[in-house]
Protein backbone atom coordinates (compact mmCIF):
# COMPACT_ATOMS: atom_id res chain seq x y z
CA MET A 1 -167.68 -81.34 15.16
CA MET A 2 -165.74 -81.32 11.86
CA SER A 3 -163.08 -79.02 11.17
CA LYS A 4 -163.69 -75.97 8.41
CA GLU A 5 -161.36 -78.14 5.97
CA THR A 6 -163.18 -81.78 5.98
CA SER A 7 -166.94 -79.84 5.76
CA LEU A 8 -165.76 -78.13 2.92
CA ARG A 9 -164.37 -81.04 1.24
CA ASN A 10 -167.43 -82.82 1.93
CA ARG A 11 -169.59 -79.90 0.34
CA LEU A 12 -167.83 -79.98 -2.87
CA SER A 13 -167.46 -84.08 -2.87
CA LYS A 14 -171.07 -84.79 -2.17
CA PRO A 15 -174.49 -83.95 -4.36
CA SER A 16 -176.37 -81.34 -2.51
CA PRO A 17 -180.18 -82.18 -1.91
CA GLU A 18 -182.28 -80.73 -4.56
CA LYS A 19 -185.90 -80.54 -4.85
CA PRO A 20 -187.54 -83.27 -6.70
CA GLU A 21 -189.20 -81.10 -9.86
CA GLU A 22 -185.22 -79.70 -10.25
CA ASP A 23 -184.27 -83.83 -10.38
CA GLU A 24 -186.73 -84.34 -13.15
CA ASP A 25 -184.88 -81.30 -14.79
CA LYS A 26 -181.98 -82.81 -14.67
CA LYS A 27 -182.83 -86.22 -16.65
CA ASN A 28 -184.38 -83.72 -19.51
CA PRO A 29 -181.48 -80.78 -20.05
CA LYS A 30 -183.71 -78.79 -22.67
CA THR A 31 -186.70 -78.77 -20.72
CA GLU A 32 -185.41 -75.42 -18.99
CA PRO A 33 -183.15 -72.95 -20.69
CA LEU A 34 -179.41 -72.05 -18.93
CA VAL A 35 -180.46 -68.34 -18.38
CA THR A 36 -183.90 -67.66 -18.91
CA ALA A 37 -185.99 -64.35 -20.40
CA ASN A 38 -187.67 -62.77 -17.28
CA ASN A 39 -189.51 -59.56 -19.53
CA GLY A 40 -187.07 -59.40 -22.18
CA GLN A 41 -184.12 -58.88 -19.88
CA LEU A 42 -181.93 -61.73 -18.63
CA ASP A 43 -181.84 -63.31 -15.09
CA ILE A 44 -178.49 -63.97 -14.51
CA LYS A 45 -178.49 -63.14 -10.76
CA HIS A 46 -178.67 -66.85 -10.40
CA ILE A 47 -175.54 -67.72 -12.01
CA LEU A 48 -173.53 -64.85 -10.35
CA SER A 49 -174.69 -66.06 -6.98
CA LYS A 50 -173.50 -69.33 -7.89
CA LYS A 51 -170.84 -68.11 -9.39
CA LEU A 52 -169.55 -66.35 -6.49
CA GLN A 53 -170.15 -69.03 -4.09
CA LEU A 54 -168.00 -71.59 -6.15
CA THR A 55 -165.24 -68.74 -6.09
CA THR A 56 -165.62 -68.12 -2.33
CA GLU A 57 -165.54 -71.95 -1.60
CA ALA A 58 -162.71 -72.31 -4.05
CA GLU A 59 -160.85 -69.75 -2.34
CA GLN A 60 -161.47 -71.39 1.31
CA LEU A 61 -159.93 -74.46 -0.25
CA LYS A 62 -156.72 -73.09 -1.84
CA PRO A 63 -154.47 -73.25 1.14
CA TYR A 64 -155.32 -76.51 2.18
CA PHE A 65 -154.98 -77.73 -1.58
CA MET A 66 -151.85 -76.10 -1.60
CA LYS A 67 -150.46 -77.44 1.79
CA GLU A 68 -151.20 -81.06 0.35
CA VAL A 69 -149.56 -80.47 -2.76
CA GLY A 70 -146.40 -79.02 -1.15
CA THR A 71 -146.31 -82.01 1.53
CA HIS A 72 -146.54 -84.32 -1.32
CA PHE A 73 -144.31 -83.00 -3.63
CA ASP A 74 -141.57 -82.76 -1.25
CA ASP A 75 -141.90 -86.59 0.10
CA PHE A 76 -141.64 -86.84 -3.56
CA VAL A 77 -138.20 -85.17 -4.24
CA THR A 78 -137.34 -86.72 -1.21
CA ASN A 79 -138.15 -90.24 -2.13
CA LEU A 80 -136.47 -89.65 -5.32
CA ILE A 81 -133.29 -88.73 -4.12
CA GLU A 82 -132.70 -91.49 -1.89
CA LYS A 83 -134.04 -93.90 -4.43
CA SER A 84 -130.97 -92.26 -6.64
CA ALA A 85 -128.56 -92.38 -4.27
CA SER A 86 -128.82 -96.14 -3.83
CA ILE A 87 -127.87 -96.28 -7.42
CA ASP A 88 -124.22 -97.67 -8.31
CA ILE A 89 -123.92 -95.99 -11.60
CA GLY A 90 -121.05 -97.92 -12.46
CA GLY A 91 -121.89 -101.74 -11.76
CA GLY A 92 -125.95 -100.85 -12.38
CA THR A 93 -126.69 -102.19 -9.41
CA LEU A 94 -128.49 -101.00 -6.42
CA THR A 95 -126.66 -100.64 -2.69
CA SER A 96 -128.44 -100.18 0.60
CA PHE A 97 -127.16 -98.95 3.89
CA SER A 98 -128.51 -99.68 7.16
CA ILE A 99 -127.09 -98.06 10.20
CA LEU A 100 -127.71 -100.43 12.17
CA LYS A 101 -127.91 -104.07 11.37
CA GLY A 102 -128.37 -105.45 15.21
CA GLN A 103 -131.02 -104.22 17.25
CA ASN A 104 -128.50 -104.53 20.20
CA ASN A 105 -125.34 -103.42 19.06
CA HIS A 106 -124.82 -99.91 19.95
CA ARG A 107 -121.48 -99.72 19.30
CA ALA A 108 -121.47 -101.41 15.68
CA LYS A 109 -118.94 -100.17 13.20
CA GLU A 110 -122.02 -99.77 10.97
CA LEU A 111 -122.86 -96.74 12.94
CA ARG A 112 -120.57 -95.05 10.80
CA ALA A 113 -121.88 -94.45 7.21
CA PRO A 114 -119.47 -95.39 4.17
CA PRO A 115 -118.37 -92.32 2.43
CA GLU A 116 -120.51 -92.96 -0.32
CA GLN A 117 -123.77 -93.44 1.81
CA GLY A 118 -122.97 -89.89 3.62
CA LYS A 119 -124.06 -86.58 1.94
CA ILE A 120 -125.27 -86.89 -0.97
CA PHE A 121 -124.79 -84.37 -3.84
CA VAL A 122 -127.11 -83.64 -6.79
CA ILE A 123 -127.52 -80.45 -8.68
CA ARG A 124 -129.97 -77.91 -7.58
CA ARG A 125 -129.98 -74.00 -7.03
CA SER A 126 -129.73 -72.12 -4.19
CA LEU A 127 -132.84 -70.82 -2.70
CA LEU A 128 -132.58 -67.28 -2.98
CA ASP A 129 -132.03 -67.79 -6.43
CA GLU A 130 -135.80 -69.22 -6.86
CA LEU A 131 -137.28 -66.53 -4.63
CA LEU A 132 -135.56 -63.94 -6.06
CA GLU A 133 -137.50 -64.94 -9.73
CA VAL A 134 -140.48 -63.77 -7.51
CA ASP A 135 -141.43 -60.36 -7.87
CA HIS A 136 -142.79 -59.83 -4.09
CA ILE A 137 -139.49 -61.45 -2.97
CA ARG A 138 -137.36 -59.39 -5.40
CA THR A 139 -139.01 -56.57 -3.70
CA ILE A 140 -137.64 -57.04 -0.74
CA TYR A 141 -134.23 -57.13 -2.67
CA HIS A 142 -134.73 -53.61 -4.23
CA MET A 143 -135.94 -52.29 -0.41
CA PHE A 144 -132.58 -53.14 0.50
CA ILE A 145 -130.57 -51.63 -2.44
CA ALA A 146 -132.63 -48.23 -1.85
CA LEU A 147 -131.64 -48.31 1.90
CA LEU A 148 -127.79 -48.79 0.66
CA ILE A 149 -128.60 -45.16 -1.25
CA ILE A 150 -129.76 -43.60 1.73
CA PHE A 151 -127.01 -44.43 3.34
CA ILE A 152 -124.47 -43.30 0.85
CA ILE A 153 -126.66 -40.02 0.47
CA SER A 154 -126.53 -39.43 4.15
CA SER A 155 -123.25 -39.61 4.45
CA LEU A 156 -122.04 -36.95 1.93
CA VAL A 157 -124.92 -34.91 2.82
CA VAL A 158 -123.33 -34.93 6.47
CA ASP A 159 -119.77 -34.84 5.50
CA TYR A 160 -120.74 -31.73 3.52
CA ILE A 161 -122.26 -29.99 6.18
CA ASP A 162 -119.31 -30.63 8.28
CA GLU A 163 -116.51 -29.94 5.54
CA GLY A 164 -118.18 -27.89 3.06
CA ARG A 165 -117.45 -30.20 0.28
CA LEU A 166 -118.58 -33.75 -1.01
CA VAL A 167 -116.29 -36.26 1.09
CA LEU A 168 -116.68 -39.83 0.26
CA GLU A 169 -113.67 -41.40 2.47
CA PHE A 170 -113.56 -45.13 3.33
CA ASN A 171 -110.89 -44.78 6.38
CA LEU A 172 -112.63 -47.09 8.74
CA LEU A 173 -113.03 -49.69 5.95
CA PHE A 174 -109.07 -49.11 4.65
CA TYR A 175 -108.05 -49.70 8.78
CA ALA A 176 -110.26 -52.71 8.57
CA PHE A 177 -108.50 -54.25 5.82
CA GLY A 178 -104.96 -53.13 6.57
CA ASN A 179 -101.82 -54.82 6.39
CA PHE A 180 -103.65 -57.08 3.46
CA PRO A 181 -99.87 -57.89 1.64
CA THR A 182 -99.37 -60.23 5.21
CA VAL A 183 -102.86 -61.96 4.98
CA PHE A 184 -101.98 -62.84 1.02
CA TRP A 185 -99.07 -64.34 1.03
CA SER A 186 -100.20 -66.22 4.58
CA TRP A 187 -102.78 -67.74 2.79
CA TRP A 188 -100.59 -68.91 -0.08
CA GLY A 189 -98.41 -70.88 2.56
CA MET A 190 -101.68 -72.06 3.92
CA PHE A 191 -103.44 -73.55 1.19
CA LEU A 192 -99.96 -74.90 -0.33
CA SER A 193 -98.93 -76.78 2.82
CA THR A 194 -102.36 -78.27 2.75
CA LEU A 195 -102.23 -78.89 -0.67
CA GLY A 196 -98.89 -80.87 -0.25
CA VAL A 197 -98.78 -82.67 3.20
CA PRO A 198 -102.02 -84.62 3.84
CA TYR A 199 -102.12 -85.58 0.21
CA PHE A 200 -98.67 -86.83 0.41
CA LEU A 201 -98.96 -87.95 4.29
CA PHE A 202 -102.13 -90.12 2.31
CA VAL A 203 -100.51 -91.26 -0.50
CA SER A 204 -97.67 -92.81 1.53
CA TRP A 205 -99.43 -94.26 4.05
CA ALA A 206 -102.03 -96.00 1.49
CA ASN A 207 -99.88 -97.39 -0.89
CA GLY A 208 -97.31 -99.38 2.17
CA TYR A 209 -100.09 -100.37 4.17
CA GLN A 210 -101.07 -103.64 2.38
CA LYS A 211 -97.56 -104.55 2.31
CA SER A 212 -96.65 -103.42 5.93
CA SER A 213 -95.98 -106.29 8.56
CA TYR A 214 -96.85 -103.58 11.41
CA PRO A 215 -100.31 -101.54 9.65
CA VAL A 216 -101.34 -100.40 13.16
CA LEU A 217 -98.27 -99.00 14.23
CA ARG A 218 -97.80 -97.16 10.42
CA THR A 219 -101.37 -95.79 10.72
CA LEU A 220 -100.30 -94.19 14.61
CA PHE A 221 -96.95 -92.94 12.59
CA TYR A 222 -98.51 -91.43 9.69
CA GLY A 223 -101.74 -90.68 12.21
CA SER A 224 -99.43 -88.47 14.25
CA LEU A 225 -98.06 -86.65 11.45
CA PHE A 226 -101.34 -85.39 10.18
CA ILE A 227 -102.31 -84.45 13.69
CA PHE A 228 -99.08 -82.59 14.24
CA PHE A 229 -99.63 -80.27 10.47
CA GLN A 230 -103.25 -79.55 11.63
CA LEU A 231 -102.45 -78.78 15.21
CA GLY A 232 -98.76 -77.09 14.38
CA GLY A 233 -99.03 -75.83 10.80
CA LEU A 234 -102.35 -75.16 10.28
CA GLY A 235 -103.43 -74.33 14.24
CA PHE A 236 -100.33 -72.36 15.36
CA VAL A 237 -98.67 -70.51 12.46
CA PRO A 238 -101.47 -68.55 10.77
CA ALA A 239 -102.55 -67.94 14.93
CA TYR A 240 -98.99 -66.49 15.53
CA ILE A 241 -98.75 -64.30 12.15
CA ALA A 242 -102.39 -62.84 13.03
CA LEU A 243 -101.57 -62.05 16.46
CA THR A 244 -98.18 -60.39 15.53
CA TYR A 245 -98.23 -59.05 12.21
CA THR A 246 -102.01 -58.24 11.40
CA PRO A 247 -103.35 -55.49 13.54
CA ALA A 248 -106.46 -54.94 11.26
CA PRO A 249 -109.49 -56.82 12.83
CA ALA A 250 -111.19 -57.93 8.86
CA SER A 251 -108.01 -59.10 7.79
CA ARG A 252 -107.50 -61.46 10.88
CA ILE A 253 -111.13 -62.94 10.08
CA ILE A 254 -109.68 -63.84 6.65
CA LEU A 255 -106.69 -65.24 7.74
CA ILE A 256 -108.33 -67.18 10.58
CA SER A 257 -111.44 -68.41 8.67
CA GLU A 258 -109.05 -69.64 5.77
CA GLN A 259 -107.25 -71.35 8.51
CA VAL A 260 -110.55 -73.02 9.92
CA ARG A 261 -111.53 -73.80 6.63
CA LEU A 262 -108.32 -75.71 5.19
CA ILE A 263 -108.12 -77.29 8.87
CA MET A 264 -111.53 -78.86 8.34
CA LYS A 265 -110.68 -79.80 4.33
CA ALA A 266 -107.63 -82.04 5.21
CA HIS A 267 -110.05 -83.77 7.85
CA SER A 268 -112.86 -84.42 5.30
CA PHE A 269 -110.33 -85.99 2.75
CA ILE A 270 -108.26 -88.05 5.39
CA ARG A 271 -111.63 -89.32 6.94
CA GLU A 272 -113.27 -90.52 3.81
CA ASN A 273 -110.24 -91.90 2.06
CA VAL A 274 -109.04 -94.15 4.86
CA PRO A 275 -111.71 -96.66 5.11
CA ARG A 276 -111.45 -96.60 1.75
CA VAL A 277 -107.98 -98.32 1.71
CA LEU A 278 -108.81 -100.72 4.87
CA ASP A 279 -112.25 -101.75 3.10
CA SER A 280 -109.89 -102.60 0.02
CA THR A 281 -107.17 -104.53 2.33
CA LYS A 282 -110.43 -106.11 4.11
CA GLU A 283 -111.26 -107.42 0.49
CA LYS A 284 -107.66 -107.87 -0.56
CA SER A 285 -107.65 -105.72 -3.65
CA SER A 286 -105.06 -105.46 -6.13
CA THR A 287 -105.75 -101.76 -6.66
CA VAL A 288 -105.62 -99.30 -3.55
CA PRO A 289 -108.13 -96.64 -3.99
CA ILE A 290 -106.07 -93.31 -4.25
CA PRO A 291 -107.40 -90.51 -5.47
CA THR A 292 -105.79 -88.15 -8.03
CA PHE A 293 -104.36 -84.83 -7.48
CA GLY A 294 -106.35 -83.09 -9.31
CA GLN A 295 -109.67 -84.49 -7.44
CA TYR A 296 -107.98 -83.12 -4.41
CA LEU A 297 -107.33 -79.96 -5.70
CA TYR A 298 -110.83 -79.46 -7.34
CA PHE A 299 -112.01 -80.21 -3.42
CA LEU A 300 -109.99 -77.58 -1.84
CA PHE A 301 -112.12 -74.62 -3.74
CA ALA A 302 -115.34 -76.31 -4.33
CA PRO A 303 -118.01 -74.75 -1.67
CA THR A 304 -118.11 -78.18 0.26
CA LEU A 305 -116.19 -79.36 3.17
CA ILE A 306 -117.33 -83.01 2.72
CA TYR A 307 -114.81 -84.76 -0.01
CA ARG A 308 -116.11 -86.91 -2.84
CA ASP A 309 -113.83 -87.98 -6.01
CA SER A 310 -116.63 -86.20 -8.16
CA TYR A 311 -119.61 -84.20 -7.63
CA PRO A 312 -122.19 -83.31 -9.97
CA ARG A 313 -121.58 -80.35 -12.38
CA THR A 314 -123.34 -77.94 -14.65
CA PRO A 315 -122.76 -77.96 -18.54
CA THR A 316 -121.76 -74.48 -18.69
CA ILE A 317 -120.39 -71.27 -16.97
CA ARG A 318 -122.13 -68.09 -16.78
CA TRP A 319 -119.67 -65.57 -16.61
CA GLY A 320 -122.57 -62.90 -16.19
CA TYR A 321 -124.12 -64.49 -12.89
CA VAL A 322 -120.09 -65.13 -11.74
CA ALA A 323 -119.84 -61.06 -12.14
CA THR A 324 -123.38 -60.46 -10.78
CA GLN A 325 -122.55 -62.42 -7.12
CA PHE A 326 -119.26 -61.10 -6.92
CA ALA A 327 -120.30 -57.45 -7.19
CA GLN A 328 -122.90 -58.10 -4.45
CA THR A 329 -120.19 -59.77 -2.35
CA PHE A 330 -118.56 -56.98 -2.60
CA GLY A 331 -121.44 -54.38 -2.56
CA CYS A 332 -122.82 -55.68 1.12
CA PHE A 333 -119.08 -54.77 2.45
CA PHE A 334 -119.54 -51.54 1.78
CA TYR A 335 -123.29 -51.98 3.12
CA VAL A 336 -121.86 -52.88 6.25
CA TYR A 337 -119.50 -50.15 6.55
CA TYR A 338 -122.03 -47.69 6.19
CA VAL A 339 -124.49 -49.52 8.54
CA PHE A 340 -121.10 -49.41 11.21
CA GLU A 341 -120.50 -45.65 10.23
CA ARG A 342 -124.21 -44.76 10.72
CA LEU A 343 -125.45 -46.55 13.15
CA SER A 344 -123.08 -48.07 15.49
CA LEU A 345 -120.31 -45.70 15.80
CA PRO A 346 -122.09 -42.66 17.06
CA LEU A 347 -123.65 -45.04 19.93
CA PHE A 348 -120.39 -46.15 21.28
CA ARG A 349 -118.43 -42.42 20.64
CA ASN A 350 -120.97 -41.15 22.56
CA MET A 351 -121.15 -43.77 25.25
CA LYS A 352 -117.90 -42.11 26.89
CA GLN A 353 -119.97 -39.28 27.99
CA GLU A 354 -121.92 -41.04 29.86
CA PRO A 355 -121.01 -42.77 33.79
CA PHE A 356 -121.52 -46.55 33.45
CA SER A 357 -124.69 -48.09 34.90
CA ALA A 358 -127.63 -50.48 33.94
CA ARG A 359 -129.37 -48.38 32.02
CA VAL A 360 -126.64 -47.06 29.97
CA LEU A 361 -126.10 -50.87 28.97
CA VAL A 362 -129.65 -51.83 28.41
CA LEU A 363 -130.05 -49.20 26.22
CA CYS A 364 -126.89 -50.08 24.34
CA VAL A 365 -127.87 -53.47 24.00
CA PHE A 366 -131.49 -52.24 22.55
CA ASN A 367 -129.67 -49.65 19.95
CA SER A 368 -127.43 -52.32 18.74
CA ILE A 369 -129.97 -54.53 17.58
CA LEU A 370 -130.84 -52.45 14.11
CA PRO A 371 -127.60 -52.52 13.14
CA GLY A 372 -126.86 -56.19 14.05
CA VAL A 373 -129.69 -57.55 12.57
CA LEU A 374 -128.48 -55.75 9.39
CA MET A 375 -125.06 -57.17 9.50
CA MET A 376 -126.32 -60.77 10.22
CA PHE A 377 -128.53 -60.55 6.83
CA LEU A 378 -125.84 -58.92 5.11
CA VAL A 379 -123.09 -61.37 6.16
CA PHE A 380 -125.60 -64.07 5.44
CA PHE A 381 -126.39 -62.66 1.63
CA ALA A 382 -122.59 -61.86 0.96
CA PHE A 383 -121.39 -65.26 2.27
CA LEU A 384 -123.45 -68.35 2.09
CA HIS A 385 -125.39 -67.18 -1.11
CA CYS A 386 -123.12 -64.77 -3.26
CA TRP A 387 -119.74 -66.12 -2.62
CA HIS A 388 -120.28 -69.70 -2.65
CA ASN A 389 -122.51 -69.22 -6.11
CA ALA A 390 -119.93 -67.54 -7.57
CA PHE A 391 -116.92 -70.35 -6.85
CA ALA A 392 -119.93 -73.27 -7.70
CA GLU A 393 -120.39 -71.30 -11.04
CA LEU A 394 -116.94 -71.02 -11.71
CA LEU A 395 -115.98 -74.67 -10.65
CA ARG A 396 -119.22 -75.80 -12.32
CA PHE A 397 -120.26 -77.31 -9.10
CA GLY A 398 -123.98 -78.45 -9.04
CA ASP A 399 -125.00 -78.68 -5.79
CA ARG A 400 -125.87 -74.84 -4.40
CA MET A 401 -128.22 -76.06 -1.64
CA PHE A 402 -125.70 -74.03 0.88
CA TYR A 403 -128.30 -73.03 3.16
CA LYS A 404 -131.90 -73.82 3.53
CA ASP A 405 -134.99 -71.48 4.94
CA TRP A 406 -134.03 -70.82 8.37
CA TRP A 407 -136.04 -67.65 8.61
CA ASN A 408 -139.19 -69.75 8.63
CA SER A 409 -137.96 -72.13 11.44
CA THR A 410 -139.91 -72.38 14.37
CA SER A 411 -137.19 -74.57 16.44
CA TYR A 412 -133.56 -73.73 17.00
CA ALA A 413 -132.68 -77.22 16.23
CA ASN A 414 -134.31 -76.48 12.87
CA TYR A 415 -132.50 -72.88 12.31
CA TYR A 416 -128.55 -74.64 13.23
CA ARG A 417 -129.08 -77.25 10.48
CA THR A 418 -130.61 -74.81 8.00
CA TRP A 419 -128.54 -71.19 8.29
CA ASN A 420 -125.25 -72.90 7.36
CA VAL A 421 -125.49 -76.69 5.27
CA VAL A 422 -122.03 -76.68 4.72
CA VAL A 423 -120.92 -76.18 7.97
CA HIS A 424 -123.66 -78.44 9.74
CA ASP A 425 -122.92 -81.14 7.15
CA TRP A 426 -119.10 -81.52 8.30
CA LEU A 427 -120.33 -81.02 11.93
CA TYR A 428 -122.86 -83.96 11.38
CA TYR A 429 -120.57 -86.68 9.67
CA TYR A 430 -117.47 -86.07 11.12
CA ALA A 431 -118.34 -84.65 14.81
CA TYR A 432 -121.91 -86.28 16.05
CA LYS A 433 -121.86 -89.00 14.35
CA ASP A 434 -118.09 -89.80 15.46
CA PHE A 435 -119.46 -88.63 18.71
CA LEU A 436 -122.26 -91.10 18.47
CA TRP A 437 -120.13 -93.90 18.15
CA LEU A 438 -117.54 -93.29 21.05
CA PHE A 439 -120.76 -93.12 22.89
CA THR A 440 -123.00 -95.50 21.80
CA LYS A 441 -126.06 -94.54 20.57
CA ARG A 442 -128.04 -94.10 23.78
CA PHE A 443 -126.20 -91.59 24.33
CA ARG A 444 -127.18 -88.74 21.65
CA SER A 445 -127.65 -86.01 24.14
CA VAL A 446 -123.65 -86.31 25.27
CA ALA A 447 -123.09 -86.29 21.18
CA MET A 448 -124.71 -83.32 20.84
CA LEU A 449 -123.35 -81.56 23.64
CA GLY A 450 -120.08 -82.47 22.01
CA VAL A 451 -120.91 -81.10 18.63
CA PHE A 452 -121.87 -77.64 20.76
CA ALA A 453 -119.06 -77.58 22.35
CA VAL A 454 -116.75 -77.64 19.03
CA SER A 455 -119.16 -75.25 17.49
CA SER A 456 -118.75 -72.90 20.24
CA VAL A 457 -114.95 -73.14 21.12
CA VAL A 458 -114.53 -72.77 17.15
CA HIS A 459 -116.57 -69.56 16.84
CA GLU A 460 -115.24 -67.92 20.39
CA TYR A 461 -111.36 -68.58 18.79
CA ILE A 462 -112.00 -66.85 15.69
CA LEU A 463 -113.51 -63.86 17.57
CA ALA A 464 -110.97 -63.91 20.10
CA VAL A 465 -108.19 -64.10 17.70
CA CYS A 466 -109.49 -61.42 15.20
CA LEU A 467 -110.39 -58.58 18.04
CA ASN A 468 -107.21 -59.43 20.02
CA PHE A 469 -109.07 -60.32 23.20
CA PHE A 470 -111.03 -62.89 24.86
CA TYR A 471 -114.45 -61.77 26.11
CA PRO A 472 -116.61 -65.64 25.83
CA VAL A 473 -120.00 -63.48 25.37
CA LEU A 474 -120.86 -65.47 22.09
CA PHE A 475 -119.35 -68.71 23.75
CA VAL A 476 -122.18 -68.41 26.52
CA LEU A 477 -124.69 -67.55 24.25
CA PHE A 478 -123.79 -70.38 21.88
CA MET A 479 -122.77 -73.12 24.30
CA PHE A 480 -125.37 -72.54 27.22
CA PHE A 481 -128.46 -70.65 25.77
CA GLY A 482 -128.16 -72.14 22.14
CA MET A 483 -128.09 -75.44 23.37
CA ALA A 484 -131.14 -74.79 26.10
CA PHE A 485 -133.09 -73.63 23.27
CA ASN A 486 -132.35 -76.73 21.15
CA PHE A 487 -133.75 -79.05 23.44
CA ILE A 488 -136.92 -76.57 24.64
CA VAL A 489 -137.82 -75.35 21.57
CA ASN A 490 -137.18 -78.36 19.60
CA ASP A 491 -138.93 -79.40 16.43
CA ARG A 492 -142.21 -80.61 17.90
CA ARG A 493 -142.91 -76.69 17.77
CA LYS A 494 -144.81 -76.30 14.55
CA LYS A 495 -147.46 -72.68 15.08
CA GLY A 496 -146.28 -69.21 14.09
CA ILE A 497 -145.79 -68.48 17.67
CA TRP A 498 -142.19 -70.09 17.91
CA ASN A 499 -141.14 -68.50 14.94
CA VAL A 500 -141.70 -65.04 16.34
CA MET A 501 -140.06 -65.70 19.11
CA MET A 502 -136.92 -67.70 17.71
CA TRP A 503 -136.77 -64.26 15.51
CA ALA A 504 -136.99 -62.16 18.87
CA SER A 505 -134.30 -64.15 20.59
CA LEU A 506 -132.23 -63.99 17.23
CA PHE A 507 -132.57 -59.81 17.51
CA THR A 508 -131.72 -59.82 21.18
CA GLY A 509 -128.31 -62.09 20.57
CA GLN A 510 -127.42 -59.48 17.89
CA GLY A 511 -127.78 -56.29 19.86
CA ILE A 512 -125.79 -58.37 22.76
CA LEU A 513 -123.10 -59.44 20.41
CA LEU A 514 -122.39 -55.86 19.07
CA CYS A 515 -123.18 -54.16 22.24
CA PHE A 516 -120.19 -56.30 24.45
CA TYR A 517 -117.58 -56.92 22.10
CA SER A 518 -117.75 -53.20 20.56
CA GLN A 519 -117.42 -52.06 24.46
CA GLU A 520 -115.07 -54.06 25.01
CA TRP A 521 -112.89 -53.15 22.26
CA TYR A 522 -113.51 -49.32 22.95
CA ALA A 523 -112.44 -50.09 26.48
CA ARG A 524 -109.30 -51.58 25.28
CA GLN A 525 -108.76 -48.52 22.84
CA HIS A 526 -109.09 -45.56 25.71
CA CYS A 527 -107.63 -47.74 28.55
CA PRO A 528 -104.29 -49.47 27.54
CA LEU A 529 -101.78 -51.62 28.93
CA LYS A 530 -97.99 -50.19 29.38
CA ASN A 531 -96.81 -54.06 29.74
CA PRO A 532 -100.18 -56.18 29.42
CA THR A 533 -100.00 -59.85 30.53
CA PHE A 534 -101.86 -62.58 29.45
CA LEU A 535 -104.34 -61.85 32.19
CA ASP A 536 -104.69 -58.76 30.76
CA TYR A 537 -105.89 -60.60 27.64
CA VAL A 538 -108.46 -62.44 29.20
CA ARG A 539 -110.08 -60.29 31.77
CA PRO A 540 -112.50 -58.06 31.01
CA ARG A 541 -111.20 -54.27 30.26
CA SER A 542 -114.73 -52.95 29.79
CA TRP A 543 -115.91 -53.69 33.53
CA THR A 544 -112.75 -51.41 34.75
CA CYS A 545 -112.19 -48.90 32.20
CA ARG A 546 -114.73 -46.07 33.08
CA TYR A 547 -113.49 -43.65 30.40
CA VAL A 548 -115.19 -45.44 27.89
CA PHE A 549 -118.43 -44.41 29.34
């Protein structure tokens, strides 16, 4: 039995059977006018029915037509990008790269793509900038603004009823960003050290590598210095400052997030440039490919974690666009504050009045879903869209694909690839492909497991330092459930029901994270220990502290 789409196409492509006398009329079109007269009136019923029939068939074919056009357009753009990536502009020659030159060589060096054949940067806008030009999508944006206004009015009315006057206080916001000068000066120390040490070590190693009698020992020496800087200078020192001198959680998030970002930036710079020096040595080139200091400085501020000597640049800076993006970023901060103040704090403040039970825990999770999801949307919009686009516009950075349409994902594999493209690119090129080279191509699952482990540990490390306790709820959800969903709900799932399941699991996960971490936070506030040990830092306090419930 033919499908509906095929039957409609056949009806439009094949001529419908006509009566013999109608065929004779077609040969002589002047024998009958388009509209005939009947008793002085125009008989237009036939034309209207034909028009209605054609309109109905066109509407039925419209989704199939749009789907076909979208598919062919995506294929065209993808092929165009791939062809443009293979063009060597400077030499005017075409280059190509094959991941595997030998079918049986699973451990070949070709598994590591050269830097120029890795991430492809092209000038393109962020997806939300394009979608917000559509009135329907912009209405959703307006709905979020209206909800923020309602939160502000609600706070003013409640404060007026309780205090008898209009009070607009931000005590929680000031507490979260407390001791900010320490964060500011610590960031400058991290940035200047990242600006100087990796670049100096690379230049010193590269300049003497070709003339060195012991190139392997030279590489091991400078590589050890770089690893020591990464673990000690950028690893231990900021964490110690955050735990010792910065008690505010939001200030710690800024410091530790910048620590992780600079570590990934330094690794990308070394990882992309060392193979170029080794290749020039094999080719016995007289010049050593060393990036300029300005190129490295630009990379440290550019909204990408993949180093290139140059990136596609936009012609001008739109200062109004920059101001709008920064304003939206800070507006999202206040939005998160009001969501937490109006929806989360009353929940956890009242929980201490009830004894702990399974019912309290379940209600806590489900009551935390709404504020958790709102905060997820706000963090995504503020950081991945507004903040990144603001700096990209200031630096005239052309490639604005910081995320993709993750909300349309029907598989967790696609969700992980599209939620944060900036971090995903780093994990793909420097974790997954290196693990693939280490474990050979036959162990792709092991390489994927290694990537999940790295990402889970880093996420849990950020939360542990920022909250000042170790409670691996995110690690368990991400490492075990997230990894299992990645294999079960894979790219073969295309139906809409899988998108529903993905959203349901995301909503539940946000509720679990907000509930469990908030419970542990309040438990440690209400049940402090006089002389805590390291075990007290990693042992959940919410399991033994009954006062908070």
